[in-house]
PDB file of N, CA and C in Angstrom:
ATOM      1  N   MET A   1      95.582 128.588 103.066  1.00  0.00           N
ATOM      2  CA  MET A   1      95.314 128.383 104.518  1.00  0.00           C
ATOM      3  C   MET A   1      94.694 127.112 104.594  1.00  0.00           C
ATOM      4  N   LYS A   2      95.034 126.208 105.427  1.00  0.00           N
ATOM      5  CA  LYS A   2      94.639 124.834 105.901  1.00  0.00           C
ATOM      6  C   LYS A   2      93.340 125.032 106.441  1.00  0.00           C
ATOM      7  N   ARG A   3      92.145 124.249 106.208  1.00  0.00           N
ATOM      8  CA  ARG A   3      90.804 124.141 106.687  1.00  0.00           C
ATOM      9  C   ARG A   3      90.484 122.658 107.010  1.00  0.00           C
ATOM     10  N   VAL A   4      89.976 122.603 108.170  1.00  0.00           N
ATOM     11  CA  VAL A   4      89.496 121.108 108.320  1.00  0.00           C
ATOM     12  C   VAL A   4      88.046 120.938 107.956  1.00  0.00           C
ATOM     13  N   ILE A   5      87.650 119.696 107.470  1.00  0.00           N
ATOM     14  CA  ILE A   5      86.457 119.431 107.170  1.00  0.00           C
ATOM     15  C   ILE A   5      85.968 118.377 107.968  1.00  0.00           C
ATOM     16  N   SER A   6      84.681 118.410 108.378  1.00  0.00           N
ATOM     17  CA  SER A   6      84.066 117.324 109.423  1.00  0.00           C
ATOM     18  C   SER A   6      82.472 117.329 108.982  1.00  0.00           C
ATOM     19  N   THR A   7      81.891 116.175 109.026  1.00  0.00           N
ATOM     20  CA  THR A   7      80.610 115.872 108.576  1.00  0.00           C
ATOM     21  C   THR A   7      80.014 114.777 109.521  1.00  0.00           C
ATOM     22  N   ASP A   8      78.895 114.924 109.838  1.00  0.00           N
ATOM     23  CA  ASP A   8      78.065 113.827 110.679  1.00  0.00           C
ATOM     24  C   ASP A   8      77.761 112.785 109.715  1.00  0.00           C
ATOM     25  N   ASP A   9      77.891 112.770 108.374  1.00  0.00           N
ATOM     26  CA  ASP A   9      77.509 111.832 107.386  1.00  0.00           C
ATOM     27  C   ASP A   9      78.603 110.805 107.349  1.00  0.00           C
ATOM     28  N   ALA A  10      79.678 110.794 108.027  1.00  0.00           N
ATOM     29  CA  ALA A  10      80.941 109.894 107.788  1.00  0.00           C
ATOM     30  C   ALA A  10      81.398 109.742 109.323  1.00  0.00           C
ATOM     31  N   PRO A  11      81.973 108.626 109.625  1.00  0.00           N
ATOM     32  CA  PRO A  11      82.546 108.525 111.031  1.00  0.00           C
ATOM     33  C   PRO A  11      83.403 109.512 111.588  1.00  0.00           C
ATOM     34  N   GLU A  12      83.282 109.962 112.688  1.00  0.00           N
ATOM     35  CA  GLU A  12      83.980 110.839 113.438  1.00  0.00           C
ATOM     36  C   GLU A  12      85.300 110.379 113.574  1.00  0.00           C
ATOM     37  N   ALA A  13      86.261 111.268 113.333  1.00  0.00           N
ATOM     38  CA  ALA A  13      87.681 110.949 113.539  1.00  0.00           C
ATOM     39  C   ALA A  13      87.942 110.646 114.976  1.00  0.00           C
ATOM     40  N   VAL A  14      88.559 109.461 115.228  1.00  0.00           N
ATOM     41  CA  VAL A  14      88.745 108.892 116.554  1.00  0.00           C
ATOM     42  C   VAL A  14      90.346 108.951 116.852  1.00  0.00           C
ATOM     43  N   GLY A  15      90.897 109.980 116.660  1.00  0.00           N
ATOM     44  CA  GLY A  15      92.362 110.299 116.901  1.00  0.00           C
ATOM     45  C   GLY A  15      92.836 111.506 116.836  1.00  0.00           C
ATOM     46  N   ALA A  16      94.171 111.669 116.397  1.00  0.00           N
ATOM     47  CA  ALA A  16      94.725 113.041 116.160  1.00  0.00           C
ATOM     48  C   ALA A  16      94.545 113.183 114.587  1.00  0.00           C
ATOM     49  N   TYR A  17      93.575 113.032 113.938  1.00  0.00           N
ATOM     50  CA  TYR A  17      93.591 113.452 112.649  1.00  0.00           C
ATOM     51  C   TYR A  17      92.122 113.943 112.139  1.00  0.00           C
ATOM     52  N   SER A  18      91.833 114.491 111.159  1.00  0.00           N
ATOM     53  CA  SER A  18      90.578 115.040 110.843  1.00  0.00           C
ATOM     54  C   SER A  18      90.079 114.368 109.752  1.00  0.00           C
ATOM     55  N   GLN A  19      88.807 114.202 109.346  1.00  0.00           N
ATOM     56  CA  GLN A  19      88.285 113.378 108.304  1.00  0.00           C
ATOM     57  C   GLN A  19      88.812 114.024 107.017  1.00  0.00           C
ATOM     58  N   ALA A  20      89.167 115.280 106.883  1.00  0.00           N
ATOM     59  CA  ALA A  20      89.694 115.763 105.751  1.00  0.00           C
ATOM     60  C   ALA A  20      90.302 116.969 105.853  1.00  0.00           C
ATOM     61  N   THR A  21      91.002 117.563 104.975  1.00  0.00           N
ATOM     62  CA  THR A  21      91.653 118.946 105.064  1.00  0.00           C
ATOM     63  C   THR A  21      91.818 119.425 103.683  1.00  0.00           C
ATOM     64  N   THR A  22      91.910 120.816 103.592  1.00  0.00           N
ATOM     65  CA  THR A  22      91.855 121.498 102.435  1.00  0.00           C
ATOM     66  C   THR A  22      92.725 122.693 102.419  1.00  0.00           C
ATOM     67  N   ASP A  23      93.385 123.116 101.338  1.00  0.00           N
ATOM     68  CA  ASP A  23      93.836 124.301 101.421  1.00  0.00           C
ATOM     69  C   ASP A  23      92.907 125.240 100.470  1.00  0.00           C
ATOM     70  N   GLY A  24      91.941 124.842  99.993  1.00  0.00           N
ATOM     71  CA  GLY A  24      90.921 125.603  99.200  1.00  0.00           C
ATOM     72  C   GLY A  24      91.033 125.271  97.746  1.00  0.00           C
ATOM     73  N   SER A  25      91.973 124.297  97.366  1.00  0.00           N
ATOM     74  CA  SER A  25      92.252 124.162  95.957  1.00  0.00           C
ATOM     75  C   SER A  25      92.167 122.600  95.855  1.00  0.00           C
ATOM     76  N   THR A  26      92.829 121.996  96.953  1.00  0.00           N
ATOM     77  CA  THR A  26      92.733 120.378  96.909  1.00  0.00           C
ATOM     78  C   THR A  26      92.301 119.830  98.421  1.00  0.00           C
ATOM     79  N   LEU A  27      91.584 118.832  98.301  1.00  0.00           N
ATOM     80  CA  LEU A  27      91.018 118.115  99.604  1.00  0.00           C
ATOM     81  C   LEU A  27      91.549 116.882  99.703  1.00  0.00           C
ATOM     82  N   TYR A  28      91.957 116.813 100.903  1.00  0.00           N
ATOM     83  CA  TYR A  28      92.680 115.279 101.079  1.00  0.00           C
ATOM     84  C   TYR A  28      91.925 114.688 102.242  1.00  0.00           C
ATOM     85  N   THR A  29      91.324 113.509 101.837  1.00  0.00           N
ATOM     86  CA  THR A  29      90.507 112.820 103.006  1.00  0.00           C
ATOM     87  C   THR A  29      91.444 111.900 103.695  1.00  0.00           C
ATOM     88  N   ALA A  30      91.131 111.510 105.083  1.00  0.00           N
ATOM     89  CA  ALA A  30      91.704 110.247 106.010  1.00  0.00           C
ATOM     90  C   ALA A  30      91.422 109.283 105.187  1.00  0.00           C
ATOM     91  N   GLY A  31      92.121 108.271 105.549  1.00  0.00           N
ATOM     92  CA  GLY A  31      91.604 106.840 105.028  1.00  0.00           C
ATOM     93  C   GLY A  31      90.385 106.604 105.683  1.00  0.00           C
ATOM     94  N   GLN A  32      89.446 105.889 105.064  1.00  0.00           N
ATOM     95  CA  GLN A  32      88.072 105.630 105.422  1.00  0.00           C
ATOM     96  C   GLN A  32      87.937 104.184 105.414  1.00  0.00           C
ATOM     97  N   ILE A  33      87.430 103.463 106.560  1.00  0.00           N
ATOM     98  CA  ILE A  33      87.187 102.115 106.598  1.00  0.00           C
ATOM     99  C   ILE A  33      85.707 101.735 106.656  1.00  0.00           C
ATOM    100  N   PRO A  34      85.362 100.443 106.623  1.00  0.00           N
ATOM    101  CA  PRO A  34      83.954 100.090 106.695  1.00  0.00           C
ATOM    102  C   PRO A  34      83.295 100.328 108.177  1.00  0.00           C
ATOM    103  N   LEU A  35      83.219 101.717 108.475  1.00  0.00           N
ATOM    104  CA  LEU A  35      82.732 102.004 109.733  1.00  0.00           C
ATOM    105  C   LEU A  35      81.643 102.917 109.379  1.00  0.00           C
ATOM    106  N   THR A  36      80.196 102.945 109.982  1.00  0.00           N
ATOM    107  CA  THR A  36      79.202 103.538 109.551  1.00  0.00           C
ATOM    108  C   THR A  36      79.354 104.901 110.353  1.00  0.00           C
ATOM    109  N   PRO A  37      78.784 105.990 110.159  1.00  0.00           N
ATOM    110  CA  PRO A  37      78.804 107.198 110.668  1.00  0.00           C
ATOM    111  C   PRO A  37      78.166 107.217 112.148  1.00  0.00           C
ATOM    112  N   ASP A  38      77.407 106.133 112.446  1.00  0.00           N
ATOM    113  CA  ASP A  38      77.024 105.990 114.039  1.00  0.00           C
ATOM    114  C   ASP A  38      77.976 105.030 114.861  1.00  0.00           C
ATOM    115  N   GLY A  39      79.087 104.768 114.147  1.00  0.00           N
ATOM    116  CA  GLY A  39      80.201 103.884 114.716  1.00  0.00           C
ATOM    117  C   GLY A  39      79.988 102.443 114.615  1.00  0.00           C
ATOM    118  N   GLU A  40      79.354 101.803 113.799  1.00  0.00           N
ATOM    119  CA  GLU A  40      79.145 100.345 113.609  1.00  0.00           C
ATOM    120  C   GLU A  40      80.070  99.958 112.710  1.00  0.00           C
ATOM    121  N   LEU A  41      80.982  98.994 113.185  1.00  0.00           N
ATOM    122  CA  LEU A  41      82.181  98.575 112.390  1.00  0.00           C
ATOM    123  C   LEU A  41      81.721  97.194 111.702  1.00  0.00           C
ATOM    124  N   HIS A  42      82.205  97.135 110.499  1.00  0.00           N
ATOM    125  CA  HIS A  42      81.724  95.889 109.584  1.00  0.00           C
ATOM    126  C   HIS A  42      83.060  95.194 109.036  1.00  0.00           C
ATOM    127  N   ALA A  43      83.996  94.814 110.168  1.00  0.00           N
ATOM    128  CA  ALA A  43      85.275  94.251 109.719  1.00  0.00           C
ATOM    129  C   ALA A  43      85.135  92.768 109.287  1.00  0.00           C
ATOM    130  N   ASP A  44      83.934  92.198 109.673  1.00  0.00           N
ATOM    131  CA  ASP A  44      83.701  90.717 109.166  1.00  0.00           C
ATOM    132  C   ASP A  44      82.772  90.505 108.063  1.00  0.00           C
ATOM    133  N   ALA A  45      82.352  91.836 107.438  1.00  0.00           N
ATOM    134  CA  ALA A  45      81.526  91.661 106.155  1.00  0.00           C
ATOM    135  C   ALA A  45      82.559  91.390 104.897  1.00  0.00           C
ATOM    136  N   ASP A  46      82.013  90.930 104.063  1.00  0.00           N
ATOM    137  CA  ASP A  46      82.702  90.587 102.813  1.00  0.00           C
ATOM    138  C   ASP A  46      83.353  91.600 102.300  1.00  0.00           C
ATOM    139  N   ILE A  47      84.491  91.602 101.353  1.00  0.00           N
ATOM    140  CA  ILE A  47      85.184  92.755 100.839  1.00  0.00           C
ATOM    141  C   ILE A  47      84.306  93.765  99.966  1.00  0.00           C
ATOM    142  N   THR A  48      83.175  93.254  99.359  1.00  0.00           N
ATOM    143  CA  THR A  48      82.383  94.027  98.529  1.00  0.00           C
ATOM    144  C   THR A  48      81.680  95.096  99.262  1.00  0.00           C
ATOM    145  N   THR A  49      81.056  94.649 100.518  1.00  0.00           N
ATOM    146  CA  THR A  49      80.388  95.477 101.392  1.00  0.00           C
ATOM    147  C   THR A  49      81.397  96.481 102.239  1.00  0.00           C
ATOM    148  N   GLN A  50      82.604  95.775 102.476  1.00  0.00           N
ATOM    149  CA  GLN A  50      83.423  96.755 103.193  1.00  0.00           C
ATOM    150  C   GLN A  50      83.858  97.969 102.247  1.00  0.00           C
ATOM    151  N   THR A  51      84.175  97.516 100.840  1.00  0.00           N
ATOM    152  CA  THR A  51      84.421  98.696 100.056  1.00  0.00           C
ATOM    153  C   THR A  51      83.416  99.680  99.789  1.00  0.00           C
ATOM    154  N   GLU A  52      82.249  99.319  99.695  1.00  0.00           N
ATOM    155  CA  GLU A  52      80.917 100.154  99.683  1.00  0.00           C
ATOM    156  C   GLU A  52      80.875 101.106 100.807  1.00  0.00           C
ATOM    157  N   LEU A  53      81.215 100.461 101.982  1.00  0.00           N
ATOM    158  CA  LEU A  53      81.077 101.435 103.239  1.00  0.00           C
ATOM    159  C   LEU A  53      82.125 102.534 103.248  1.00  0.00           C
ATOM    160  N   ALA A  54      83.399 102.137 102.854  1.00  0.00           N
ATOM    161  CA  ALA A  54      84.562 102.861 102.823  1.00  0.00           C
ATOM    162  C   ALA A  54      84.494 104.003 101.817  1.00  0.00           C
ATOM    163  N   LEU A  55      83.922 103.656 100.468  1.00  0.00           N
ATOM    164  CA  LEU A  55      83.801 104.552  99.451  1.00  0.00           C
ATOM    165  C   LEU A  55      82.367 105.456  99.856  1.00  0.00           C
ATOM    166  N   ASP A  56      81.442 104.965 100.447  1.00  0.00           N
ATOM    167  CA  ASP A  56      80.255 105.841 100.886  1.00  0.00           C
ATOM    168  C   ASP A  56      80.816 106.978 101.938  1.00  0.00           C
ATOM    169  N   ASN A  57      81.817 106.506 102.775  1.00  0.00           N
ATOM    170  CA  ASN A  57      82.298 107.529 103.572  1.00  0.00           C
ATOM    171  C   ASN A  57      82.992 108.433 102.978  1.00  0.00           C
ATOM    172  N   VAL A  58      83.942 108.299 102.023  1.00  0.00           N
ATOM    173  CA  VAL A  58      84.830 109.183 101.324  1.00  0.00           C
ATOM    174  C   VAL A  58      83.804 110.008 100.517  1.00  0.00           C
ATOM    175  N   MET A  59      82.835 109.582  99.825  1.00  0.00           N
ATOM    176  CA  MET A  59      81.791 110.293  99.062  1.00  0.00           C
ATOM    177  C   MET A  59      80.991 111.194 100.100  1.00  0.00           C
ATOM    178  N   ALA A  60      80.527 110.781 101.232  1.00  0.00           N
ATOM    179  CA  ALA A  60      80.019 111.819 102.344  1.00  0.00           C
ATOM    180  C   ALA A  60      80.837 112.947 102.480  1.00  0.00           C
ATOM    181  N   ILE A  61      82.178 112.697 102.751  1.00  0.00           N
ATOM    182  CA  ILE A  61      83.126 113.602 103.198  1.00  0.00           C
ATOM    183  C   ILE A  61      83.191 114.664 102.142  1.00  0.00           C
ATOM    184  N   LEU A  62      83.200 114.290 100.714  1.00  0.00           N
ATOM    185  CA  LEU A  62      83.386 115.141  99.667  1.00  0.00           C
ATOM    186  C   LEU A  62      82.012 116.038  99.422  1.00  0.00           C
ATOM    187  N   ALA A  63      81.023 115.384  99.755  1.00  0.00           N
ATOM    188  CA  ALA A  63      79.436 116.120  99.675  1.00  0.00           C
ATOM    189  C   ALA A  63      79.554 117.083 100.593  1.00  0.00           C
ATOM    190  N   ALA A  64      80.256 117.132 101.620  1.00  0.00           N
ATOM    191  CA  ALA A  64      80.185 118.176 102.566  1.00  0.00           C
ATOM    192  C   ALA A  64      80.813 119.455 101.926  1.00  0.00           C
ATOM    193  N   GLU A  65      81.580 119.260 101.124  1.00  0.00           N
ATOM    194  CA  GLU A  65      82.318 120.366 100.229  1.00  0.00           C
ATOM    195  C   GLU A  65      81.571 120.553  98.788  1.00  0.00           C
ATOM    196  N   ASP A  66      80.556 119.857  98.611  1.00  0.00           N
ATOM    197  CA  ASP A  66      79.831 119.902  97.252  1.00  0.00           C
ATOM    198  C   ASP A  66      80.692 119.443  96.288  1.00  0.00           C
ATOM    199  N   LEU A  67      81.393 118.384  96.621  1.00  0.00           N
ATOM    200  CA  LEU A  67      82.415 117.623  95.679  1.00  0.00           C
ATOM    201  C   LEU A  67      81.851 116.264  95.292  1.00  0.00           C
ATOM    202  N   GLY A  68      82.148 115.579  94.455  1.00  0.00           N
ATOM    203  CA  GLY A  68      81.691 114.416  93.922  1.00  0.00           C
ATOM    204  C   GLY A  68      82.702 113.364  93.481  1.00  0.00           C
ATOM    205  N   ALA A  69      82.546 112.301  93.286  1.00  0.00           N
ATOM    206  CA  ALA A  69      83.423 111.317  92.478  1.00  0.00           C
ATOM    207  C   ALA A  69      84.228 112.047  91.424  1.00  0.00           C
ATOM    208  N   GLU A  70      83.784 112.761  90.675  1.00  0.00           N
ATOM    209  CA  GLU A  70      84.102 113.356  89.441  1.00  0.00           C
ATOM    210  C   GLU A  70      85.307 114.233  89.794  1.00  0.00           C
ATOM    211  N   ASP A  71      85.253 114.846  90.979  1.00  0.00           N
ATOM    212  CA  ASP A  71      86.413 115.905  91.438  1.00  0.00           C
ATOM    213  C   ASP A  71      87.599 114.861  92.183  1.00  0.00           C
ATOM    214  N   ILE A  72      87.412 113.627  92.187  1.00  0.00           N
ATOM    215  CA  ILE A  72      88.696 112.960  92.833  1.00  0.00           C
ATOM    216  C   ILE A  72      89.777 112.752  91.944  1.00  0.00           C
ATOM    217  N   LEU A  73      90.866 113.191  92.088  1.00  0.00           N
ATOM    218  CA  LEU A  73      92.105 113.075  91.431  1.00  0.00           C
ATOM    219  C   LEU A  73      92.905 111.753  91.519  1.00  0.00           C
ATOM    220  N   LYS A  74      92.882 111.308  92.780  1.00  0.00           N
ATOM    221  CA  LYS A  74      93.660 110.025  93.136  1.00  0.00           C
ATOM    222  C   LYS A  74      93.005 109.435  94.462  1.00  0.00           C
ATOM    223  N   THR A  75      93.001 108.208  94.284  1.00  0.00           N
ATOM    224  CA  THR A  75      92.691 107.350  95.400  1.00  0.00           C
ATOM    225  C   THR A  75      93.880 106.273  95.803  1.00  0.00           C
ATOM    226  N   THR A  76      93.727 106.059  97.115  1.00  0.00           N
ATOM    227  CA  THR A  76      94.795 105.027  97.435  1.00  0.00           C
ATOM    228  C   THR A  76      93.967 103.941  98.322  1.00  0.00           C
ATOM    229  N   VAL A  77      94.037 102.632  97.668  1.00  0.00           N
ATOM    230  CA  VAL A  77      93.135 101.568  98.618  1.00  0.00           C
ATOM    231  C   VAL A  77      94.177 100.605  99.066  1.00  0.00           C
ATOM    232  N   PHE A  78      94.130 100.469 100.372  1.00  0.00           N
ATOM    233  CA  PHE A  78      95.043  99.678 101.081  1.00  0.00           C
ATOM    234  C   PHE A  78      94.046  98.148 101.546  1.00  0.00           C
ATOM    235  N   LEU A  79      94.565  97.205 101.146  1.00  0.00           N
ATOM    236  CA  LEU A  79      93.937  95.984 101.436  1.00  0.00           C
ATOM    237  C   LEU A  79      94.666  95.065 102.345  1.00  0.00           C
ATOM    238  N   ALA A  80      93.820  94.430 103.199  1.00  0.00           N
ATOM    239  CA  ALA A  80      94.470  93.565 104.209  1.00  0.00           C
ATOM    240  C   ALA A  80      95.054  92.251 103.487  1.00  0.00           C
ATOM    241  N   ASP A  81      94.453  91.835 102.223  1.00  0.00           N
ATOM    242  CA  ASP A  81      94.787  90.661 101.516  1.00  0.00           C
ATOM    243  C   ASP A  81      94.482  91.177  99.789  1.00  0.00           C
ATOM    244  N   ILE A  82      95.655  91.082  99.349  1.00  0.00           N
ATOM    245  CA  ILE A  82      95.671  91.580  97.721  1.00  0.00           C
ATOM    246  C   ILE A  82      94.889  90.648  96.958  1.00  0.00           C
ATOM    247  N   ASP A  83      94.454  89.433  97.579  1.00  0.00           N
ATOM    248  CA  ASP A  83      93.458  88.611  96.803  1.00  0.00           C
ATOM    249  C   ASP A  83      92.211  88.967  96.641  1.00  0.00           C
ATOM    250  N   ASP A  84      91.998  89.873  97.526  1.00  0.00           N
ATOM    251  CA  ASP A  84      90.528  90.816  97.501  1.00  0.00           C
ATOM    252  C   ASP A  84      90.524  91.672  96.540  1.00  0.00           C
ATOM    253  N   PHE A  85      91.644  92.035  95.583  1.00  0.00           N
ATOM    254  CA  PHE A  85      91.727  93.133  94.623  1.00  0.00           C
ATOM    255  C   PHE A  85      90.552  92.895  93.531  1.00  0.00           C
ATOM    256  N   GLY A  86      90.334  91.896  93.296  1.00  0.00           N
ATOM    257  CA  GLY A  86      89.036  91.678  91.949  1.00  0.00           C
ATOM    258  C   GLY A  86      87.799  92.040  92.640  1.00  0.00           C
ATOM    259  N   GLU A  87      87.479  91.788  93.782  1.00  0.00           N
ATOM    260  CA  GLU A  87      86.036  91.927  94.156  1.00  0.00           C
ATOM    261  C   GLU A  87      86.116  93.384  94.494  1.00  0.00           C
ATOM    262  N   MET A  88      87.206  93.883  95.123  1.00  0.00           N
ATOM    263  CA  MET A  88      87.235  95.323  95.573  1.00  0.00           C
ATOM    264  C   MET A  88      86.945  96.282  94.368  1.00  0.00           C
ATOM    265  N   ASN A  89      87.850  95.864  93.219  1.00  0.00           N
ATOM    266  CA  ASN A  89      87.688  96.475  91.958  1.00  0.00           C
ATOM    267  C   ASN A  89      86.176  96.635  91.344  1.00  0.00           C
ATOM    268  N   GLU A  90      85.462  95.506  91.411  1.00  0.00           N
ATOM    269  CA  GLU A  90      84.363  95.464  90.827  1.00  0.00           C
ATOM    270  C   GLU A  90      83.415  96.342  91.529  1.00  0.00           C
ATOM    271  N   THR A  91      83.545  96.291  92.843  1.00  0.00           N
ATOM    272  CA  THR A  91      82.763  97.441  93.484  1.00  0.00           C
ATOM    273  C   THR A  91      83.055  98.987  93.243  1.00  0.00           C
ATOM    274  N   TYR A  92      84.378  99.228  93.347  1.00  0.00           N
ATOM    275  CA  TYR A  92      84.995 100.305  93.122  1.00  0.00           C
ATOM    276  C   TYR A  92      84.601 101.042  91.830  1.00  0.00           C
ATOM    277  N   GLU A  93      84.568 100.051  90.760  1.00  0.00           N
ATOM    278  CA  GLU A  93      84.352 100.659  89.303  1.00  0.00           C
ATOM    279  C   GLU A  93      83.038 101.313  89.401  1.00  0.00           C
ATOM    280  N   THR A  94      82.053 100.729  90.249  1.00  0.00           N
ATOM    281  CA  THR A  94      80.530 101.446  90.138  1.00  0.00           C
ATOM    282  C   THR A  94      80.726 102.804  90.838  1.00  0.00           C
ATOM    283  N   TYR A  95      81.502 103.212  91.322  1.00  0.00           N
ATOM    284  CA  TYR A  95      81.597 104.548  91.805  1.00  0.00           C
ATOM    285  C   TYR A  95      82.327 105.447  90.952  1.00  0.00           C
ATOM    286  N   PHE A  96      82.910 104.904  90.057  1.00  0.00           N
ATOM    287  CA  PHE A  96      83.762 105.929  88.991  1.00  0.00           C
ATOM    288  C   PHE A  96      83.474 105.359  87.692  1.00  0.00           C
ATOM    289  N   THR A  97      82.308 105.696  87.212  1.00  0.00           N
ATOM    290  CA  THR A  97      81.899 105.129  85.809  1.00  0.00           C
ATOM    291  C   THR A  97      82.501 105.899  84.573  1.00  0.00           C
ATOM    292  N   ALA A  98      82.826 107.209  84.976  1.00  0.00           N
ATOM    293  CA  ALA A  98      83.451 108.068  83.923  1.00  0.00           C
ATOM    294  C   ALA A  98      84.730 108.617  84.392  1.00  0.00           C
ATOM    295  N   GLN A  99      85.818 108.822  83.571  1.00  0.00           N
ATOM    296  CA  GLN A  99      86.948 109.225  84.074  1.00  0.00           C
ATOM    297  C   GLN A  99      87.575 108.939  85.255  1.00  0.00           C
ATOM    298  N   PRO A 100      87.726 107.615  85.715  1.00  0.00           N
ATOM    299  CA  PRO A 100      88.184 107.346  86.948  1.00  0.00           C
ATOM    300  C   PRO A 100      89.444 108.057  87.389  1.00  0.00           C
ATOM    301  N   PRO A 101      89.723 108.151  88.924  1.00  0.00           N
ATOM    302  CA  PRO A 101      90.741 108.999  89.140  1.00  0.00           C
ATOM    303  C   PRO A 101      91.941 107.829  88.950  1.00  0.00           C
ATOM    304  N   ALA A 102      93.143 108.432  89.262  1.00  0.00           N
ATOM    305  CA  ALA A 102      94.444 107.670  89.262  1.00  0.00           C
ATOM    306  C   ALA A 102      94.179 106.931  90.601  1.00  0.00           C
ATOM    307  N   ARG A 103      94.820 105.762  90.742  1.00  0.00           N
ATOM    308  CA  ARG A 103      94.623 104.842  91.944  1.00  0.00           C
ATOM    309  C   ARG A 103      95.927 104.091  92.304  1.00  0.00           C
ATOM    310  N   SER A 104      96.212 103.702  93.235  1.00  0.00           N
ATOM    311  CA  SER A 104      97.212 102.888  93.702  1.00  0.00           C
ATOM    312  C   SER A 104      96.612 101.809  94.630  1.00  0.00           C
ATOM    313  N   ALA A 105      96.764 100.588  94.548  1.00  0.00           N
ATOM    314  CA  ALA A 105      96.277  99.548  95.537  1.00  0.00           C
ATOM    315  C   ALA A 105      97.334  98.811  95.922  1.00  0.00           C
ATOM    316  N   VAL A 106      97.511  98.481  97.406  1.00  0.00           N
ATOM    317  CA  VAL A 106      98.460  97.986  97.932  1.00  0.00           C
ATOM    318  C   VAL A 106      97.989  97.042  99.040  1.00  0.00           C
ATOM    319  N   GLN A 107      98.844  95.977  99.285  1.00  0.00           N
ATOM    320  CA  GLN A 107      98.468  95.140 100.348  1.00  0.00           C
ATOM    321  C   GLN A 107      99.155  95.580 101.535  1.00  0.00           C
ATOM    322  N   ALA A 108      98.510  96.044 102.808  1.00  0.00           N
ATOM    323  CA  ALA A 108      99.060  96.379 103.972  1.00  0.00           C
ATOM    324  C   ALA A 108      99.327  95.429 104.705  1.00  0.00           C
ATOM    325  N   GLY A 109     100.261  95.569 105.739  1.00  0.00           N
ATOM    326  CA  GLY A 109     100.562  94.266 106.781  1.00  0.00           C
ATOM    327  C   GLY A 109      99.382  94.251 107.555  1.00  0.00           C
ATOM    328  N   ALA A 110      98.785  95.292 108.007  1.00  0.00           N
ATOM    329  CA  ALA A 110      97.503  95.053 108.984  1.00  0.00           C
ATOM    330  C   ALA A 110      96.676  96.393 108.764  1.00  0.00           C
ATOM    331  N   LEU A 111      95.416  96.446 108.841  1.00  0.00           N
ATOM    332  CA  LEU A 111      94.673  97.642 108.846  1.00  0.00           C
ATOM    333  C   LEU A 111      94.098  97.934 110.081  1.00  0.00           C
ATOM    334  N   PRO A 112      93.705  99.008 110.458  1.00  0.00           N
ATOM    335  CA  PRO A 112      92.905  99.461 111.734  1.00  0.00           C
ATOM    336  C   PRO A 112      91.625  98.781 112.096  1.00  0.00           C
ATOM    337  N   LYS A 113      91.492  98.197 113.195  1.00  0.00           N
ATOM    338  CA  LYS A 113      90.292  97.659 113.546  1.00  0.00           C
ATOM    339  C   LYS A 113      90.151  96.185 112.895  1.00  0.00           C
ATOM    340  N   GLY A 114      91.239  95.782 112.382  1.00  0.00           N
ATOM    341  CA  GLY A 114      91.062  94.442 111.476  1.00  0.00           C
ATOM    342  C   GLY A 114      90.247  94.331 110.405  1.00  0.00           C
ATOM    343  N   VAL A 115      89.991  95.524 109.652  1.00  0.00           N
ATOM    344  CA  VAL A 115      89.134  95.717 108.327  1.00  0.00           C
ATOM    345  C   VAL A 115      89.964  95.212 107.320  1.00  0.00           C
ATOM    346  N   GLY A 116      89.329  94.942 106.323  1.00  0.00           N
ATOM    347  CA  GLY A 116      89.733  94.304 104.983  1.00  0.00           C
ATOM    348  C   GLY A 116      90.232  95.339 103.986  1.00  0.00           C
ATOM    349  N   VAL A 117      89.754  96.658 104.173  1.00  0.00           N
ATOM    350  CA  VAL A 117      90.053  97.669 103.183  1.00  0.00           C
ATOM    351  C   VAL A 117      89.915  99.142 103.948  1.00  0.00           C
ATOM    352  N   GLU A 118      90.807  99.980 103.344  1.00  0.00           N
ATOM    353  CA  GLU A 118      90.676 101.413 103.828  1.00  0.00           C
ATOM    354  C   GLU A 118      91.279 102.211 102.546  1.00  0.00           C
ATOM    355  N   ILE A 119      90.430 103.132 102.256  1.00  0.00           N
ATOM    356  CA  ILE A 119      90.429 104.091 100.969  1.00  0.00           C
ATOM    357  C   ILE A 119      90.531 105.523 101.228  1.00  0.00           C
ATOM    358  N   GLU A 120      91.515 106.264 100.794  1.00  0.00           N
ATOM    359  CA  GLU A 120      91.666 107.603 100.956  1.00  0.00           C
ATOM    360  C   GLU A 120      91.541 108.349  99.595  1.00  0.00           C
ATOM    361  N   ALA A 121      91.336 109.492  99.524  1.00  0.00           N
ATOM    362  CA  ALA A 121      91.168 110.317  98.236  1.00  0.00           C
ATOM    363  C   ALA A 121      91.795 111.679  98.168  1.00  0.00           C
ATOM    364  N   VAL A 122      92.172 112.101  97.158  1.00  0.00           N
ATOM    365  CA  VAL A 122      92.637 113.488  96.881  1.00  0.00           C
ATOM    366  C   VAL A 122      91.745 113.962  95.816  1.00  0.00           C
ATOM    367  N   ALA A 123      91.048 115.252  96.212  1.00  0.00           N
ATOM    368  CA  ALA A 123      90.143 115.701  95.134  1.00  0.00           C
ATOM    369  C   ALA A 123      90.596 117.223  94.909  1.00  0.00           C
ATOM    370  N   THR A 124      89.935 117.884  93.952  1.00  0.00           N
ATOM    371  CA  THR A 124      90.160 119.038  93.519  1.00  0.00           C
ATOM    372  C   THR A 124      88.776 119.902  93.570  1.00  0.00           C
ATOM    373  N   TYR A 125      88.926 121.212  93.842  1.00  0.00           N
ATOM    374  CA  TYR A 125      87.776 122.054  93.823  1.00  0.00           C
ATOM    375  C   TYR A 125      87.412 122.609  92.294  1.00  0.00           C
ATOM    376  N   PRO A 126      86.463 122.240  91.522  1.00  0.00           N
ATOM    377  CA  PRO A 126      86.261 122.667  90.205  1.00  0.00           C
ATOM    378  C   PRO A 126      86.796 124.202  90.066  1.00  0.00           C
ATOM    379  N   GLU A 127      86.421 124.968  90.937  1.00  0.00           N
ATOM    380  CA  GLU A 127      86.652 126.380  90.637  1.00  0.00           C
ATOM    381  C   GLU A 127      87.817 126.743  91.053  1.00  0.00           C
ATOM    382  N   ALA A 128      88.818 125.859  91.625  1.00  0.00           N
ATOM    383  CA  ALA A 128      90.123 126.316  91.999  1.00  0.00           C
ATOM    384  C   ALA A 128      91.205 126.433  90.675  1.00  0.00           C
TER     385      ALA A 128
END
């Protein structure tokens, strides 16, 4: 049965979507951008800062379910400019030091609110 996940520690969903959903065994986050939980957008920040903010949002959503980086099976990273891949990857690696998840990274034509990066994750519940 589908259940919606919401936390005040990540930006509020501003549309017809949820921060995350789960069926009890797998959790799917919505794409997270460099937007703080209080709504401050960092679209003009460097890609390192944008990646940190997006991943912090992903981790906050997971934490609401007592999950962490080690529970992520796969991420998808959308970049406004694929030339930012190297800098994004350096930051990304600091979040996944052991057994990193599978990942796709693609250049998107445009991202919401003019940001440089959007990241979504699929995680599993250890007890599932």
